[in-house]
């Protein structure tokens, strides 16, 4: 004896299959959307890290420049002090002679 479905049962089966197909497609789309969101979040983290690294590099460069300027000024102060001492010795020697 064959199994025959009524028109209503066939329509219900078709609707059920269509709903299952839509759910499967929606699930795959949701999975793709989640992957994209995760990739975008990872990319945003990379951008933030790169910006932070660039800011750190800029800060380090500024600190190095400041240190170099301080060292140059200190050397100039020492040179001026030595020159002043030499001038004082020369003047003292000239006065004594």
Protein backbone atom coordinates (compact mmCIF):
# COMPACT_ATOMS: atom_id res chain seq x y z
CA UNK A 1 0.00 0.00 0.00
CA UNK A 2 1.51 3.31 -1.05
CA UNK A 3 1.90 6.33 1.13
CA UNK A 4 0.15 9.26 -0.44
CA UNK A 5 0.01 12.70 1.02
CA UNK A 6 -2.83 15.09 0.70
CA UNK A 7 -2.31 18.44 -0.99
CA UNK A 8 -2.30 20.14 2.42
CA UNK A 9 0.34 17.74 3.73
CA UNK A 10 2.50 18.26 0.63
CA UNK A 11 2.17 22.05 1.00
CA UNK A 12 3.09 21.78 4.68
CA UNK A 13 6.14 19.65 3.79
CA UNK A 14 7.22 22.19 1.17
CA UNK A 15 6.83 25.04 3.68
CA UNK A 16 8.81 23.04 6.25
CA UNK A 17 11.60 22.41 3.73
CA UNK A 18 11.63 26.08 2.73
CA UNK A 19 11.83 27.12 6.40
CA UNK A 20 14.70 24.67 7.02
CA UNK A 21 16.51 25.97 3.95
CA UNK A 22 16.04 29.60 5.08
CA UNK A 23 17.24 28.75 8.59
CA UNK A 24 20.32 27.04 7.19
CA UNK A 25 21.09 30.00 4.90
CA UNK A 26 20.48 32.46 7.74
CA UNK A 27 22.80 30.44 9.98
CA UNK A 28 25.54 30.47 7.34
CA UNK A 29 25.07 34.22 6.82
CA UNK A 30 25.21 34.79 10.58
CA UNK A 31 28.43 32.75 10.76
CA UNK A 32 29.90 34.85 7.92
CA UNK A 33 28.83 38.05 9.68
CA UNK A 34 30.43 36.90 12.93
CA UNK A 35 33.67 36.03 11.11
CA UNK A 36 33.68 39.48 9.49
CA UNK A 37 33.07 41.16 12.84
CA UNK A 38 35.90 39.17 14.40
CA UNK A 39 38.23 40.04 11.52
CA UNK A 40 37.27 43.71 11.76
CA UNK A 41 37.85 43.64 15.52
CA UNK A 42 41.25 42.01 14.99
CA UNK A 43 42.10 44.60 12.33
CA UNK A 44 41.03 47.39 14.69
CA UNK A 45 43.31 45.96 17.39
CA UNK A 46 46.19 45.83 14.91
CA UNK A 47 45.54 49.46 13.93
CA UNK A 48 45.46 50.50 17.60
CA UNK A 49 48.68 48.59 18.28
CA UNK A 50 50.37 50.16 15.26
CA UNK A 51 49.21 53.64 16.32
CA UNK A 52 50.41 53.00 19.88
CA UNK A 53 53.75 51.71 18.54
CA UNK A 54 54.08 54.78 16.32
CA UNK A 55 53.28 57.03 19.28
CA UNK A 56 55.85 55.19 21.40
CA UNK A 57 58.44 55.57 18.64
CA UNK A 58 57.67 59.28 18.40
CA UNK A 59 57.97 59.64 22.18
CA UNK A 60 61.29 57.76 22.17
CA UNK A 61 62.61 59.94 19.33
CA UNK A 62 61.57 63.09 21.21
CA UNK A 63 63.30 61.83 24.37
CA UNK A 64 66.46 61.01 22.40
CA UNK A 65 66.43 64.48 20.84
CA UNK A 66 66.01 66.08 24.26
CA UNK A 67 68.88 64.00 25.67
CA UNK A 68 71.11 64.95 22.73
CA UNK A 69 70.27 68.64 23.20
CA UNK A 70 71.02 68.41 26.93
CA UNK A 71 74.35 66.67 26.24
CA UNK A 72 75.29 69.28 23.62
CA UNK A 73 74.41 72.10 26.01
CA UNK A 74 76.42 70.41 28.78
CA UNK A 75 79.43 70.06 26.47
CA UNK A 76 79.13 73.72 25.47
CA UNK A 77 78.98 74.73 29.14
CA UNK A 78 82.15 72.70 29.83
CA UNK A 79 83.88 74.24 26.79
CA UNK A 80 82.93 77.74 27.93
CA UNK A 81 84.10 76.97 31.48
CA UNK A 82 87.44 75.62 30.20
CA UNK A 83 87.84 78.65 27.93
CA UNK A 84 87.11 80.95 30.86
CA UNK A 85 89.67 79.11 32.99
CA UNK A 86 92.28 79.38 30.23
CA UNK A 87 91.58 83.10 29.86
CA UNK A 88 91.86 83.52 33.64
CA UNK A 89 95.19 81.68 33.66
CA UNK A 90 96.51 83.75 30.75
CA UNK A 91 95.41 87.00 32.41
CA UNK A 92 96.94 85.92 35.71
CA UNK A 93 100.19 84.95 33.98
CA UNK A 94 100.26 88.27 32.16
CA UNK A 95 99.73 90.17 35.37
CA UNK A 96 102.46 88.22 37.15
CA UNK A 97 104.94 88.70 34.35
